[in-house]
Amino acid sequence: MEGSERDSTQDWLLPEEGLPPSLSEMELRIDEAVATARASEAAVLTVGESAREAAGQARRAAAIAERAAATALDVQKRSEVATATPVQDENMRRFSERADRVVRRLRRLERLPMAVSRRPNGETAH
């Protein structure tokens, strides 16, 4: 082989943008990746704990809502029973009619002049 046909070491050098990372650069990248993974793990744990707490709050709120609904239904049923009792309605109607009659009689009595009565000794009583 001729000396001019031989490869030179320059032929085997990679361009600057094609160079593989050095060992120290790779260690730095690995350290960054581990730090990112640990931070992500901590964030996921925090999110998971928050989600668990939110689920507990939702369960408590649902239980409160169920009790409130049951109470509302109970109150509604009691109200319907109280207003739907015909005996109570009839008694109230009769009471109101009687009270109206008494009021009318009292008003008539108010319009009547007071009678003057004479006592046995001749004096008048008012």
Protein backbone atom coordinates (compact mmCIF):
# COMPACT_ATOMS: atom_id res chain seq x y z
CA MET A 1 0.00 0.00 0.00
CA GLU A 2 1.09 3.36 -0.74
CA GLY A 3 1.41 5.91 2.01
CA SER A 4 -1.03 8.21 0.31
CA GLU A 5 -3.73 5.58 0.26
CA ARG A 6 -3.56 4.96 3.94
CA ASP A 7 -6.28 6.29 6.22
CA SER A 8 -5.39 9.09 8.45
CA THR A 9 -6.66 9.36 12.01
CA GLN A 10 -8.52 12.48 10.99
CA ASP A 11 -10.71 10.30 8.78
CA TRP A 12 -11.94 8.45 11.86
CA LEU A 13 -12.76 11.48 14.00
CA LEU A 14 -16.44 12.25 14.47
CA PRO A 15 -17.78 15.71 13.92
CA GLU A 16 -18.41 17.73 17.12
CA GLU A 17 -22.22 17.34 16.96
CA GLY A 18 -21.91 13.58 16.51
CA LEU A 19 -19.72 12.88 19.52
CA PRO A 20 -21.14 10.55 22.18
CA PRO A 21 -21.44 12.00 25.68
CA SER A 22 -18.47 11.64 27.95
CA LEU A 23 -18.62 9.51 31.07
CA SER A 24 -18.92 12.58 33.31
CA GLU A 25 -21.76 13.95 31.13
CA MET A 26 -23.56 10.62 31.37
CA GLU A 27 -23.16 10.55 35.16
CA LEU A 28 -24.61 14.09 35.33
CA ARG A 29 -27.58 13.06 33.15
CA ILE A 30 -28.17 9.95 35.30
CA ASP A 31 -28.08 12.06 38.48
CA GLU A 32 -30.59 14.49 36.96
CA ALA A 33 -32.86 11.62 35.90
CA VAL A 34 -32.74 10.06 39.38
CA ALA A 35 -33.53 13.46 41.00
CA THR A 36 -36.45 13.95 38.58
CA ALA A 37 -37.74 10.45 39.28
CA ARG A 38 -37.58 11.00 43.05
CA ALA A 39 -39.36 14.37 42.75
CA SER A 40 -42.02 12.75 40.56
CA GLU A 41 -42.47 9.96 43.08
CA ALA A 42 -42.92 12.48 45.90
CA ALA A 43 -45.43 14.43 43.82
CA VAL A 44 -47.40 11.26 43.01
CA LEU A 45 -47.49 10.30 46.69
CA THR A 46 -48.76 13.78 47.57
CA VAL A 47 -51.42 13.64 44.86
CA GLY A 48 -52.42 10.14 45.97
CA GLU A 49 -52.78 11.26 49.60
CA SER A 50 -54.83 14.28 48.50
CA ALA A 51 -57.07 12.04 46.40
CA ARG A 52 -57.57 9.66 49.33
CA GLU A 53 -58.45 12.59 51.60
CA ALA A 54 -60.86 14.00 49.00
CA ALA A 55 -62.54 10.60 48.71
CA GLY A 56 -62.99 10.49 52.49
CA GLN A 57 -64.52 13.96 52.47
CA ALA A 58 -66.84 12.92 49.65
CA ARG A 59 -67.96 9.86 51.66
CA ARG A 60 -68.66 12.04 54.71
CA ALA A 61 -70.57 14.57 52.60
CA ALA A 62 -72.63 11.79 51.01
CA ALA A 63 -73.50 10.40 54.45
CA ILE A 64 -74.59 13.86 55.64
CA ALA A 65 -76.67 14.31 52.47
CA GLU A 66 -78.34 10.93 53.01
CA ARG A 67 -79.25 11.82 56.60
CA ALA A 68 -80.58 15.21 55.49
CA ALA A 69 -82.70 13.59 52.78
CA ALA A 70 -84.08 11.04 55.24
CA THR A 71 -84.93 13.82 57.68
CA ALA A 72 -86.61 15.85 54.95
CA LEU A 73 -88.71 12.84 53.91
CA ASP A 74 -89.67 12.20 57.52
CA VAL A 75 -90.73 15.83 57.99
CA GLN A 76 -92.69 15.74 54.74
CA LYS A 77 -94.49 12.56 55.76
CA ARG A 78 -95.36 13.98 59.18
CA SER A 79 -96.62 17.17 57.56
CA GLU A 80 -98.79 15.22 55.12
CA VAL A 81 -100.25 13.14 57.94
CA ALA A 82 -101.00 16.24 60.03
CA THR A 83 -102.68 18.12 57.21
CA ALA A 84 -104.54 15.16 55.77
CA THR A 85 -106.39 14.17 58.94
CA PRO A 86 -110.08 14.87 58.17
CA VAL A 87 -111.13 14.68 61.85
CA GLN A 88 -108.74 17.46 62.75
CA ASP A 89 -109.89 19.51 59.77
CA GLU A 90 -113.56 19.01 60.74
CA ASN A 91 -112.93 19.91 64.38
CA MET A 92 -111.08 23.06 63.33
CA ARG A 93 -113.89 24.04 60.97
CA ARG A 94 -116.53 23.60 63.71
CA PHE A 95 -114.42 25.55 66.17
CA SER A 96 -114.03 28.42 63.69
CA GLU A 97 -117.77 28.49 62.96
CA ARG A 98 -118.56 28.56 66.69
CA ALA A 99 -116.02 31.34 67.26
CA ASP A 100 -117.55 33.35 64.38
CA ARG A 101 -121.03 32.98 65.94
CA VAL A 102 -119.76 34.17 69.32
CA VAL A 103 -118.11 37.20 67.72
CA ARG A 104 -121.33 38.11 65.90
CA ARG A 105 -123.34 37.85 69.15
CA LEU A 106 -120.84 40.00 71.01
CA ARG A 107 -120.97 42.67 68.30
CA ARG A 108 -124.78 42.71 68.47
CA LEU A 109 -124.59 43.06 72.23
CA GLU A 110 -122.20 45.99 71.91
CA ARG A 111 -124.79 47.91 69.87
CA LEU A 112 -127.61 47.44 72.37
CA PRO A 113 -128.15 50.29 74.83
CA MET A 114 -127.58 49.43 78.45
CA ALA A 115 -130.85 48.82 80.23
CA VAL A 116 -131.55 50.93 83.26
CA SER A 117 -132.80 48.85 86.14
CA ARG A 118 -134.55 50.18 89.23
CA ARG A 119 -133.64 48.97 92.66
CA PRO A 120 -136.28 48.29 95.24
CA ASN A 121 -135.42 51.51 97.06
CA GLY A 122 -136.13 53.52 93.86
CA GLU A 123 -132.55 54.21 92.86
CA THR A 124 -131.40 53.46 89.34
CA ALA A 125 -128.50 51.12 88.65
CA HIS A 126 -126.32 51.43 85.64
